[in-house]
Amino acid sequence: MAAHVRKGGTLEKTEGRQCLCDGLLAAVGLGRGRPRGVVEPPVVTLGQDLGSLRHIAPDGGEYSVEAGVRRLSAGLVEEASASV
């Protein structure tokens, strides 16, 4: 948050927000540790597939990773594992 303030932002505008870069790194197991043992929470995105949002969150509200994965995997058929 210090970098945000240093660049002209206000501390109040950081409340409840996190760094996108840190969140994406946390999603692949490279999250940074924070003071008092807090671990950066992961951020998962749908990339550029914004058209899916109207199906996942038709009211424009929040949506879960589970809803995103369910939408992205709709219609996929799971192949049976080959026996060795």
PDB file of N, CA and C in Angstrom:
ATOM      1  N   MET A   1       0.806  -1.167   0.000  1.00  0.00           N
ATOM      2  CA  MET A   1       0.000   0.000   0.000  1.00  0.00           C
ATOM      3  C   MET A   1       0.867   1.256   0.000  1.00  0.00           C
ATOM      4  N   ALA A   2       2.059   1.116   0.529  1.00  0.00           N
ATOM      5  CA  ALA A   2       2.961   2.264   0.573  1.00  0.00           C
ATOM      6  C   ALA A   2       3.276   2.761  -0.832  1.00  0.00           C
ATOM      7  N   ALA A   3       3.425   1.855  -1.784  1.00  0.00           N
ATOM      8  CA  ALA A   3       3.714   2.255  -3.166  1.00  0.00           C
ATOM      9  C   ALA A   3       2.540   3.033  -3.741  1.00  0.00           C
ATOM     10  N   HIS A   4       1.329   2.630  -3.437  1.00  0.00           N
ATOM     11  CA  HIS A   4       0.136   3.324  -3.926  1.00  0.00           C
ATOM     12  C   HIS A   4       0.112   4.762  -3.405  1.00  0.00           C
ATOM     13  N   VAL A   5       0.382   4.921  -2.124  1.00  0.00           N
ATOM     14  CA  VAL A   5       0.394   6.251  -1.508  1.00  0.00           C
ATOM     15  C   VAL A   5       1.546   7.082  -2.072  1.00  0.00           C
ATOM     16  N   ARG A   6       2.703   6.450  -2.244  1.00  0.00           N
ATOM     17  CA  ARG A   6       3.863   7.144  -2.793  1.00  0.00           C
ATOM     18  C   ARG A   6       3.584   7.680  -4.202  1.00  0.00           C
ATOM     19  N   LYS A   7       2.733   6.994  -4.945  1.00  0.00           N
ATOM     20  CA  LYS A   7       2.410   7.404  -6.310  1.00  0.00           C
ATOM     21  C   LYS A   7       1.239   8.383  -6.367  1.00  0.00           C
ATOM     22  N   GLY A   8       0.781   8.856  -5.204  1.00  0.00           N
ATOM     23  CA  GLY A   8      -0.275   9.868  -5.178  1.00  0.00           C
ATOM     24  C   GLY A   8      -1.635   9.376  -4.742  1.00  0.00           C
ATOM     25  N   GLY A   9      -1.774   8.076  -4.471  1.00  0.00           N
ATOM     26  CA  GLY A   9      -3.051   7.541  -4.010  1.00  0.00           C
ATOM     27  C   GLY A   9      -3.253   7.818  -2.534  1.00  0.00           C
ATOM     28  N   THR A  10      -4.436   7.546  -2.054  1.00  0.00           N
ATOM     29  CA  THR A  10      -4.718   7.745  -0.635  1.00  0.00           C
ATOM     30  C   THR A  10      -4.826   6.393   0.063  1.00  0.00           C
ATOM     31  N   LEU A  11      -4.463   6.372   1.317  1.00  0.00           N
ATOM     32  CA  LEU A  11      -4.529   5.145   2.111  1.00  0.00           C
ATOM     33  C   LEU A  11      -5.969   4.650   2.230  1.00  0.00           C
ATOM     34  N   GLU A  12      -6.929   5.574   2.315  1.00  0.00           N
ATOM     35  CA  GLU A  12      -8.335   5.195   2.427  1.00  0.00           C
ATOM     36  C   GLU A  12      -8.812   4.373   1.226  1.00  0.00           C
ATOM     37  N   LYS A  13      -8.291   4.670   0.049  1.00  0.00           N
ATOM     38  CA  LYS A  13      -8.718   3.953  -1.164  1.00  0.00           C
ATOM     39  C   LYS A  13      -8.133   2.541  -1.237  1.00  0.00           C
ATOM     40  N   THR A  14      -7.212   2.205  -0.350  1.00  0.00           N
ATOM     41  CA  THR A  14      -6.626   0.858  -0.357  1.00  0.00           C
ATOM     42  C   THR A  14      -7.407  -0.098   0.538  1.00  0.00           C
ATOM     43  N   GLU A  15      -8.312   0.419   1.338  1.00  0.00           N
ATOM     44  CA  GLU A  15      -9.077  -0.408   2.271  1.00  0.00           C
ATOM     45  C   GLU A  15      -9.862  -1.484   1.529  1.00  0.00           C
ATOM     46  N   GLY A  16      -9.644  -2.762   1.897  1.00  0.00           N
ATOM     47  CA  GLY A  16     -10.355  -3.872   1.290  1.00  0.00           C
ATOM     48  C   GLY A  16      -9.848  -4.266  -0.092  1.00  0.00           C
ATOM     49  N   ARG A  17      -8.715  -3.744  -0.505  1.00  0.00           N
ATOM     50  CA  ARG A  17      -8.162  -4.066  -1.816  1.00  0.00           C
ATOM     51  C   ARG A  17      -6.828  -4.763  -1.659  1.00  0.00           C
ATOM     52  N   GLN A  18      -6.346  -5.364  -2.756  1.00  0.00           N
ATOM     53  CA  GLN A  18      -5.046  -6.011  -2.730  1.00  0.00           C
ATOM     54  C   GLN A  18      -4.342  -5.787  -4.058  1.00  0.00           C
ATOM     55  N   CYS A  19      -3.086  -6.062  -4.084  1.00  0.00           N
ATOM     56  CA  CYS A  19      -2.274  -5.913  -5.291  1.00  0.00           C
ATOM     57  C   CYS A  19      -2.585  -7.065  -6.245  1.00  0.00           C
ATOM     58  N   LEU A  20      -2.931  -6.741  -7.492  1.00  0.00           N
ATOM     59  CA  LEU A  20      -3.256  -7.770  -8.476  1.00  0.00           C
ATOM     60  C   LEU A  20      -2.060  -8.682  -8.734  1.00  0.00           C
ATOM     61  N   CYS A  21      -0.875  -8.114  -8.883  1.00  0.00           N
ATOM     62  CA  CYS A  21       0.316  -8.935  -9.146  1.00  0.00           C
ATOM     63  C   CYS A  21       0.553  -9.928  -8.010  1.00  0.00           C
ATOM     64  N   ASP A  22       0.477  -9.446  -6.771  1.00  0.00           N
ATOM     65  CA  ASP A  22       0.684 -10.335  -5.620  1.00  0.00           C
ATOM     66  C   ASP A  22      -0.393 -11.413  -5.562  1.00  0.00           C
ATOM     67  N   GLY A  23      -1.633 -11.051  -5.887  1.00  0.00           N
ATOM     68  CA  GLY A  23      -2.722 -12.017  -5.862  1.00  0.00           C
ATOM     69  C   GLY A  23      -2.573 -13.093  -6.921  1.00  0.00           C
ATOM     70  N   LEU A  24      -2.124 -12.701  -8.103  1.00  0.00           N
ATOM     71  CA  LEU A  24      -1.912 -13.690  -9.168  1.00  0.00           C
ATOM     72  C   LEU A  24      -0.755 -14.620  -8.822  1.00  0.00           C
ATOM     73  N   LEU A  25       0.307 -14.074  -8.233  1.00  0.00           N
ATOM     74  CA  LEU A  25       1.421 -14.921  -7.800  1.00  0.00           C
ATOM     75  C   LEU A  25       0.978 -15.877  -6.697  1.00  0.00           C
ATOM     76  N   ALA A  26       0.111 -15.409  -5.804  1.00  0.00           N
ATOM     77  CA  ALA A  26      -0.405 -16.280  -4.740  1.00  0.00           C
ATOM     78  C   ALA A  26      -1.224 -17.428  -5.328  1.00  0.00           C
ATOM     79  N   ALA A  27      -1.891 -17.184  -6.447  1.00  0.00           N
ATOM     80  CA  ALA A  27      -2.719 -18.221  -7.075  1.00  0.00           C
ATOM     81  C   ALA A  27      -1.885 -19.394  -7.588  1.00  0.00           C
ATOM     82  N   VAL A  28      -0.600 -19.164  -7.826  1.00  0.00           N
ATOM     83  CA  VAL A  28       0.274 -20.249  -8.281  1.00  0.00           C
ATOM     84  C   VAL A  28       1.262 -20.663  -7.193  1.00  0.00           C
ATOM     85  N   GLY A  29       0.925 -20.329  -5.936  1.00  0.00           N
ATOM     86  CA  GLY A  29       1.733 -20.776  -4.810  1.00  0.00           C
ATOM     87  C   GLY A  29       2.930 -19.906  -4.474  1.00  0.00           C
ATOM     88  N   LEU A  30       2.981 -18.689  -5.025  1.00  0.00           N
ATOM     89  CA  LEU A  30       4.117 -17.813  -4.764  1.00  0.00           C
ATOM     90  C   LEU A  30       3.707 -16.555  -4.014  1.00  0.00           C
ATOM     91  N   GLY A  31       2.674 -16.677  -3.177  1.00  0.00           N
ATOM     92  CA  GLY A  31       2.189 -15.517  -2.424  1.00  0.00           C
ATOM     93  C   GLY A  31       3.205 -15.031  -1.411  1.00  0.00           C
ATOM     94  N   ARG A  32       3.207 -13.723  -1.209  1.00  0.00           N
ATOM     95  CA  ARG A  32       4.121 -13.123  -0.239  1.00  0.00           C
ATOM     96  C   ARG A  32       3.528 -13.165   1.157  1.00  0.00           C
ATOM     97  N   GLY A  33       4.391 -13.372   2.131  1.00  0.00           N
ATOM     98  CA  GLY A  33       3.962 -13.297   3.511  1.00  0.00           C
ATOM     99  C   GLY A  33       3.848 -11.843   3.923  1.00  0.00           C
ATOM    100  N   ARG A  34       2.924 -11.538   4.776  1.00  0.00           N
ATOM    101  CA  ARG A  34       2.688 -10.188   5.284  1.00  0.00           C
ATOM    102  C   ARG A  34       2.986 -10.166   6.778  1.00  0.00           C
ATOM    103  N   PRO A  35       3.052  -8.971   7.340  1.00  0.00           N
ATOM    104  CA  PRO A  35       3.280  -8.879   8.788  1.00  0.00           C
ATOM    105  C   PRO A  35       2.228  -9.663   9.570  1.00  0.00           C
ATOM    106  N   ARG A  36       2.597 -10.137  10.721  1.00  0.00           N
ATOM    107  CA  ARG A  36       1.736 -10.890  11.637  1.00  0.00           C
ATOM    108  C   ARG A  36       1.246 -12.205  11.042  1.00  0.00           C
ATOM    109  N   GLY A  37       2.016 -12.789  10.107  1.00  0.00           N
ATOM    110  CA  GLY A  37       1.687 -14.099   9.561  1.00  0.00           C
ATOM    111  C   GLY A  37       0.583 -14.133   8.525  1.00  0.00           C
ATOM    112  N   VAL A  38       0.127 -12.974   8.071  1.00  0.00           N
ATOM    113  CA  VAL A  38      -0.934 -12.929   7.057  1.00  0.00           C
ATOM    114  C   VAL A  38      -0.339 -13.317   5.713  1.00  0.00           C
ATOM    115  N   VAL A  39      -1.031 -14.192   4.980  1.00  0.00           N
ATOM    116  CA  VAL A  39      -0.575 -14.634   3.667  1.00  0.00           C
ATOM    117  C   VAL A  39      -1.448 -13.969   2.605  1.00  0.00           C
ATOM    118  N   GLU A  40      -0.813 -13.497   1.542  1.00  0.00           N
ATOM    119  CA  GLU A  40      -1.539 -12.837   0.450  1.00  0.00           C
ATOM    120  C   GLU A  40      -2.573 -13.799  -0.131  1.00  0.00           C
ATOM    121  N   PRO A  41      -3.853 -13.401  -0.206  1.00  0.00           N
ATOM    122  CA  PRO A  41      -4.860 -14.292  -0.786  1.00  0.00           C
ATOM    123  C   PRO A  41      -4.732 -14.356  -2.307  1.00  0.00           C
ATOM    124  N   PRO A  42      -5.082 -15.489  -2.901  1.00  0.00           N
ATOM    125  CA  PRO A  42      -4.964 -15.613  -4.363  1.00  0.00           C
ATOM    126  C   PRO A  42      -6.068 -14.858  -5.100  1.00  0.00           C
ATOM    127  N   VAL A  43      -5.771 -14.446  -6.321  1.00  0.00           N
ATOM    128  CA  VAL A  43      -6.743 -13.837  -7.220  1.00  0.00           C
ATOM    129  C   VAL A  43      -6.835 -14.751  -8.434  1.00  0.00           C
ATOM    130  N   VAL A  44      -8.033 -15.094  -8.815  1.00  0.00           N
ATOM    131  CA  VAL A  44      -8.249 -15.921  -9.998  1.00  0.00           C
ATOM    132  C   VAL A  44      -9.105 -15.104 -10.953  1.00  0.00           C
ATOM    133  N   THR A  45      -8.724 -15.049 -12.214  1.00  0.00           N
ATOM    134  CA  THR A  45      -9.474 -14.260 -13.183  1.00  0.00           C
ATOM    135  C   THR A  45      -9.988 -15.141 -14.315  1.00  0.00           C
ATOM    136  N   LEU A  46     -10.887 -14.602 -15.078  1.00  0.00           N
ATOM    137  CA  LEU A  46     -11.393 -15.280 -16.270  1.00  0.00           C
ATOM    138  C   LEU A  46     -10.655 -14.800 -17.504  1.00  0.00           C
ATOM    139  N   GLY A  47      -9.577 -14.069 -17.314  1.00  0.00           N
ATOM    140  CA  GLY A  47      -8.814 -13.565 -18.452  1.00  0.00           C
ATOM    141  C   GLY A  47      -9.629 -12.577 -19.258  1.00  0.00           C
ATOM    142  N   GLN A  48      -9.677 -12.749 -20.567  1.00  0.00           N
ATOM    143  CA  GLN A  48     -10.402 -11.823 -21.429  1.00  0.00           C
ATOM    144  C   GLN A  48     -11.810 -12.303 -21.758  1.00  0.00           C
ATOM    145  N   ASP A  49     -12.250 -13.378 -21.143  1.00  0.00           N
ATOM    146  CA  ASP A  49     -13.562 -13.954 -21.430  1.00  0.00           C
ATOM    147  C   ASP A  49     -14.648 -13.222 -20.636  1.00  0.00           C
ATOM    148  N   LEU A  50     -14.802 -11.925 -20.875  1.00  0.00           N
ATOM    149  CA  LEU A  50     -15.768 -11.142 -20.110  1.00  0.00           C
ATOM    150  C   LEU A  50     -17.207 -11.464 -20.481  1.00  0.00           C
ATOM    151  N   GLY A  51     -17.428 -12.056 -21.655  1.00  0.00           N
ATOM    152  CA  GLY A  51     -18.765 -12.441 -22.060  1.00  0.00           C
ATOM    153  C   GLY A  51     -19.380 -13.469 -21.123  1.00  0.00           C
ATOM    154  N   SER A  52     -18.545 -14.266 -20.471  1.00  0.00           N
ATOM    155  CA  SER A  52     -19.046 -15.279 -19.540  1.00  0.00           C
ATOM    156  C   SER A  52     -19.651 -14.663 -18.286  1.00  0.00           C
ATOM    157  N   LEU A  53     -19.282 -13.435 -17.979  1.00  0.00           N
ATOM    158  CA  LEU A  53     -19.779 -12.820 -16.747  1.00  0.00           C
ATOM    159  C   LEU A  53     -21.298 -12.723 -16.717  1.00  0.00           C
ATOM    160  N   ARG A  54     -21.920 -12.490 -17.862  1.00  0.00           N
ATOM    161  CA  ARG A  54     -23.387 -12.374 -17.855  1.00  0.00           C
ATOM    162  C   ARG A  54     -24.050 -13.704 -17.509  1.00  0.00           C
ATOM    163  N   HIS A  55     -23.332 -14.814 -17.685  1.00  0.00           N
ATOM    164  CA  HIS A  55     -23.860 -16.123 -17.325  1.00  0.00           C
ATOM    165  C   HIS A  55     -23.510 -16.486 -15.887  1.00  0.00           C
ATOM    166  N   ILE A  56     -22.327 -16.085 -15.461  1.00  0.00           N
ATOM    167  CA  ILE A  56     -21.859 -16.424 -14.115  1.00  0.00           C
ATOM    168  C   ILE A  56     -22.496 -15.519 -13.066  1.00  0.00           C
ATOM    169  N   ALA A  57     -22.569 -14.231 -13.369  1.00  0.00           N
ATOM    170  CA  ALA A  57     -23.117 -13.252 -12.427  1.00  0.00           C
ATOM    171  C   ALA A  57     -24.053 -12.307 -13.176  1.00  0.00           C
ATOM    172  N   PRO A  58     -25.253 -12.774 -13.544  1.00  0.00           N
ATOM    173  CA  PRO A  58     -26.155 -11.972 -14.358  1.00  0.00           C
ATOM    174  C   PRO A  58     -26.549 -10.640 -13.721  1.00  0.00           C
ATOM    175  N   ASP A  59     -26.514 -10.559 -12.400  1.00  0.00           N
ATOM    176  CA  ASP A  59     -26.877  -9.300 -11.730  1.00  0.00           C
ATOM    177  C   ASP A  59     -25.672  -8.375 -11.559  1.00  0.00           C
ATOM    178  N   GLY A  60     -24.501  -8.800 -12.071  1.00  0.00           N
ATOM    179  CA  GLY A  60     -23.299  -7.977 -11.955  1.00  0.00           C
ATOM    180  C   GLY A  60     -22.627  -8.046 -10.601  1.00  0.00           C
ATOM    181  N   GLY A  61     -23.054  -8.963  -9.757  1.00  0.00           N
ATOM    182  CA  GLY A  61     -22.485  -9.094  -8.419  1.00  0.00           C
ATOM    183  C   GLY A  61     -21.224  -9.945  -8.418  1.00  0.00           C
ATOM    184  N   GLU A  62     -20.816 -10.323  -7.229  1.00  0.00           N
ATOM    185  CA  GLU A  62     -19.621 -11.158  -7.077  1.00  0.00           C
ATOM    186  C   GLU A  62     -19.911 -12.572  -7.559  1.00  0.00           C
ATOM    187  N   TYR A  63     -18.872 -13.271  -7.919  1.00  0.00           N
ATOM    188  CA  TYR A  63     -19.004 -14.659  -8.334  1.00  0.00           C
ATOM    189  C   TYR A  63     -17.841 -15.450  -7.772  1.00  0.00           C
ATOM    190  N   SER A  64     -18.010 -16.760  -7.690  1.00  0.00           N
ATOM    191  CA  SER A  64     -16.984 -17.609  -7.091  1.00  0.00           C
ATOM    192  C   SER A  64     -16.115 -18.252  -8.166  1.00  0.00           C
ATOM    193  N   VAL A  65     -14.972 -18.737  -7.751  1.00  0.00           N
ATOM    194  CA  VAL A  65     -14.100 -19.494  -8.649  1.00  0.00           C
ATOM    195  C   VAL A  65     -14.851 -20.724  -9.132  1.00  0.00           C
ATOM    196  N   GLU A  66     -15.598 -21.350  -8.233  1.00  0.00           N
ATOM    197  CA  GLU A  66     -16.357 -22.537  -8.613  1.00  0.00           C
ATOM    198  C   GLU A  66     -17.321 -22.226  -9.766  1.00  0.00           C
ATOM    199  N   ALA A  67     -18.017 -21.081  -9.704  1.00  0.00           N
ATOM    200  CA  ALA A  67     -18.947 -20.701 -10.773  1.00  0.00           C
ATOM    201  C   ALA A  67     -18.199 -20.485 -12.086  1.00  0.00           C
ATOM    202  N   GLY A  68     -17.017 -19.873 -12.012  1.00  0.00           N
ATOM    203  CA  GLY A  68     -16.219 -19.646 -13.216  1.00  0.00           C
ATOM    204  C   GLY A  68     -15.743 -20.941 -13.839  1.00  0.00           C
ATOM    205  N   VAL A  69     -15.260 -21.848 -13.022  1.00  0.00           N
ATOM    206  CA  VAL A  69     -14.775 -23.133 -13.526  1.00  0.00           C
ATOM    207  C   VAL A  69     -15.940 -23.947 -14.087  1.00  0.00           C
ATOM    208  N   ARG A  70     -17.069 -23.908 -13.400  1.00  0.00           N
ATOM    209  CA  ARG A  70     -18.250 -24.625 -13.886  1.00  0.00           C
ATOM    210  C   ARG A  70     -18.647 -24.112 -15.280  1.00  0.00           C
ATOM    211  N   ARG A  71     -18.644 -22.803 -15.470  1.00  0.00           N
ATOM    212  CA  ARG A  71     -19.003 -22.215 -16.769  1.00  0.00           C
ATOM    213  C   ARG A  71     -17.978 -22.592 -17.839  1.00  0.00           C
ATOM    214  N   LEU A  72     -16.694 -22.472 -17.502  1.00  0.00           N
ATOM    215  CA  LEU A  72     -15.638 -22.750 -18.483  1.00  0.00           C
ATOM    216  C   LEU A  72     -15.583 -24.223 -18.868  1.00  0.00           C
ATOM    217  N   SER A  73     -16.014 -25.109 -17.965  1.00  0.00           N
ATOM    218  CA  SER A  73     -15.942 -26.533 -18.264  1.00  0.00           C
ATOM    219  C   SER A  73     -17.281 -27.116 -18.726  1.00  0.00           C
ATOM    220  N   ALA A  74     -18.288 -26.272 -18.881  1.00  0.00           N
ATOM    221  CA  ALA A  74     -19.606 -26.752 -19.329  1.00  0.00           C
ATOM    222  C   ALA A  74     -19.477 -27.416 -20.692  1.00  0.00           C
ATOM    223  N   GLY A  75     -20.037 -28.596 -20.803  1.00  0.00           N
ATOM    224  CA  GLY A  75     -20.014 -29.298 -22.078  1.00  0.00           C
ATOM    225  C   GLY A  75     -18.792 -30.158 -22.308  1.00  0.00           C
ATOM    226  N   LEU A  76     -17.824 -30.067 -21.440  1.00  0.00           N
ATOM    227  CA  LEU A  76     -16.643 -30.914 -21.591  1.00  0.00           C
ATOM    228  C   LEU A  76     -16.976 -32.317 -21.113  1.00  0.00           C
ATOM    229  N   VAL A  77     -16.433 -33.287 -21.761  1.00  0.00           N
ATOM    230  CA  VAL A  77     -16.630 -34.674 -21.367  1.00  0.00           C
ATOM    231  C   VAL A  77     -15.336 -35.186 -20.774  1.00  0.00           C
ATOM    232  N   GLU A  78     -15.437 -35.739 -19.574  1.00  0.00           N
ATOM    233  CA  GLU A  78     -14.242 -36.274 -18.918  1.00  0.00           C
ATOM    234  C   GLU A  78     -13.905 -37.619 -19.556  1.00  0.00           C
ATOM    235  N   GLU A  79     -12.676 -37.723 -20.016  1.00  0.00           N
ATOM    236  CA  GLU A  79     -12.224 -38.987 -20.633  1.00  0.00           C
ATOM    237  C   GLU A  79     -11.827 -39.969 -19.544  1.00  0.00           C
ATOM    238  N   ALA A  80     -12.125 -41.234 -19.791  1.00  0.00           N
ATOM    239  CA  ALA A  80     -11.730 -42.281 -18.850  1.00  0.00           C
ATOM    240  C   ALA A  80     -10.224 -42.436 -18.882  1.00  0.00           C
ATOM    241  N   SER A  81      -9.625 -42.616 -17.729  1.00  0.00           N
ATOM    242  CA  SER A  81      -8.177 -42.834 -17.650  1.00  0.00           C
ATOM    243  C   SER A  81      -7.828 -44.180 -18.247  1.00  0.00           C
ATOM    244  N   ALA A  82      -6.756 -44.199 -18.984  1.00  0.00           N
ATOM    245  CA  ALA A  82      -6.282 -45.468 -19.566  1.00  0.00           C
ATOM    246  C   ALA A  82      -5.654 -46.305 -18.464  1.00  0.00           C
ATOM    247  N   SER A  83      -5.974 -47.555 -18.437  1.00  0.00           N
ATOM    248  CA  SER A  83      -5.367 -48.458 -17.465  1.00  0.00           C
ATOM    249  C   SER A  83      -3.978 -48.850 -17.924  1.00  0.00           C
ATOM    250  N   VAL A  84      -3.077 -48.869 -16.983  1.00  0.00           N
ATOM    251  CA  VAL A  84      -1.700 -49.227 -17.304  1.00  0.00           C
ATOM    252  C   VAL A  84      -1.435 -50.651 -16.949  1.00  0.00           C
TER     253      VAL A  84
END
